[in-house]
Amino acid sequence: MIKHIVMWRLKEFANGVNKEENARKLKSHLESLKSKIKEIKRIEVGINIKSSDAASDVVLYSEFDSMDDLEAYQRHPEHMKVVDFVNEIRLERRVVDYKV
């Protein structure tokens, strides 16, 4: 099993709305991928609730059966739509992929 974790820091204002609204939109977009991309075995998206200089604003936790499935997810057109949105609203992105 492959675990894929991504954390983002968002711009204070982007696409005409504030960071909190973009965080909610991102959560919704990411969670919708579960029904669109068969390779996703599990997905969880959280919005940070505690302010800290070290904190990210949004986190994605997802699971895949294999690296091939993770790569298929990353290339999937529906995922690419979310990537386009993220690129408009993010300041920073961190990612970890690991095998269990």
Protein backbone atom coordinates (compact mmCIF):
# COMPACT_ATOMS: atom_id res chain seq x y z
CA MET A 1 0.00 0.00 0.00
CA ILE A 2 1.13 3.53 -0.81
CA LYS A 3 0.22 6.47 1.41
CA HIS A 4 0.18 9.91 -0.23
CA ILE A 5 0.12 12.97 2.02
CA VAL A 6 0.08 16.56 0.74
CA MET A 7 -0.05 19.79 2.75
CA TRP A 8 -0.69 23.25 1.37
CA ARG A 9 -0.36 26.80 2.61
CA LEU A 10 -2.85 29.00 0.82
CA LYS A 11 -2.80 32.62 -0.28
CA GLU A 12 -4.79 34.97 1.96
CA PHE A 13 -6.90 35.95 -1.06
CA ALA A 14 -7.15 34.28 -4.49
CA ASN A 15 -9.78 33.76 -7.19
CA GLY A 16 -11.88 36.51 -5.65
CA VAL A 17 -12.32 34.84 -2.23
CA ASN A 18 -10.46 34.52 1.06
CA LYS A 19 -8.25 31.65 2.20
CA GLU A 20 -10.98 30.01 4.28
CA GLU A 21 -13.37 29.81 1.32
CA ASN A 22 -10.64 28.44 -0.95
CA ALA A 23 -9.77 25.84 1.70
CA ARG A 24 -13.41 24.67 1.74
CA LYS A 25 -13.51 24.56 -2.07
CA LEU A 26 -10.27 22.59 -2.19
CA LYS A 27 -11.58 20.10 0.37
CA SER A 28 -14.75 19.62 -1.67
CA HIS A 29 -12.85 19.21 -4.96
CA LEU A 30 -10.44 16.67 -3.47
CA GLU A 31 -13.13 14.63 -1.74
CA SER A 32 -15.12 14.44 -4.98
CA LEU A 33 -12.22 12.60 -6.64
CA LYS A 34 -13.00 9.40 -4.70
CA SER A 35 -16.08 8.78 -6.86
CA LYS A 36 -14.27 9.72 -10.08
CA ILE A 37 -10.90 7.93 -9.81
CA LYS A 38 -11.07 4.20 -9.13
CA GLU A 39 -7.45 3.95 -7.99
CA ILE A 40 -8.15 5.94 -4.80
CA LYS A 41 -8.70 3.46 -1.98
CA ARG A 42 -9.10 6.03 0.78
CA ILE A 43 -9.09 9.81 0.93
CA GLU A 44 -9.34 12.24 3.81
CA VAL A 45 -9.02 16.02 3.64
CA GLY A 46 -8.62 18.29 6.65
CA ILE A 47 -8.65 22.04 7.12
CA ASN A 48 -6.34 23.35 9.84
CA ILE A 49 -8.11 24.57 12.99
CA LYS A 50 -5.14 25.92 14.97
CA SER A 51 -3.06 28.91 13.95
CA SER A 52 0.71 28.47 13.99
CA ASP A 53 3.66 29.72 11.97
CA ALA A 54 4.51 26.07 11.26
CA ALA A 55 0.97 25.07 10.22
CA SER A 56 -0.35 24.28 6.78
CA ASP A 57 -3.90 25.23 5.85
CA VAL A 58 -5.12 22.04 4.16
CA VAL A 59 -3.93 18.43 4.30
CA LEU A 60 -4.72 15.49 2.01
CA TYR A 61 -4.26 11.91 3.19
CA SER A 62 -4.88 9.21 0.58
CA GLU A 63 -4.11 5.53 0.02
CA PHE A 64 -3.39 3.53 -3.12
CA ASP A 65 -2.68 -0.15 -3.72
CA SER A 66 0.51 0.54 -5.70
CA MET A 67 2.80 3.20 -7.14
CA ASP A 68 1.19 2.54 -10.53
CA ASP A 69 -2.20 3.42 -9.03
CA LEU A 70 -0.79 6.60 -7.46
CA GLU A 71 0.71 7.60 -10.81
CA ALA A 72 -2.59 6.88 -12.61
CA TYR A 73 -4.36 9.12 -10.09
CA GLN A 74 -1.83 11.88 -10.59
CA ARG A 75 -2.30 11.78 -14.39
CA HIS A 76 -6.09 11.47 -14.28
CA PRO A 77 -7.90 14.41 -15.98
CA GLU A 78 -10.15 15.00 -12.94
CA HIS A 79 -7.10 15.23 -10.68
CA MET A 80 -5.45 17.62 -13.13
CA LYS A 81 -8.47 19.96 -12.83
CA VAL A 82 -7.90 20.10 -9.06
CA VAL A 83 -4.18 20.69 -9.63
CA ASP A 84 -5.03 23.69 -11.80
CA PHE A 85 -7.21 25.12 -9.02
CA VAL A 86 -4.55 24.46 -6.36
CA ASN A 87 -1.89 26.21 -8.42
CA GLU A 88 -4.04 29.35 -8.41
CA ILE A 89 -4.58 29.43 -4.63
CA ARG A 90 -1.45 27.99 -3.02
CA LEU A 91 1.66 29.56 -1.62
CA GLU A 92 3.42 26.33 -0.75
CA ARG A 93 3.07 22.57 -1.20
CA ARG A 94 4.70 19.71 0.71
CA VAL A 95 4.29 16.05 -0.17
CA VAL A 96 5.28 12.66 1.24
CA ASP A 97 4.70 9.31 -0.45
CA TYR A 98 5.63 6.12 1.37
CA LYS A 99 5.09 2.39 1.22
CA VAL A 100 3.54 0.41 4.07
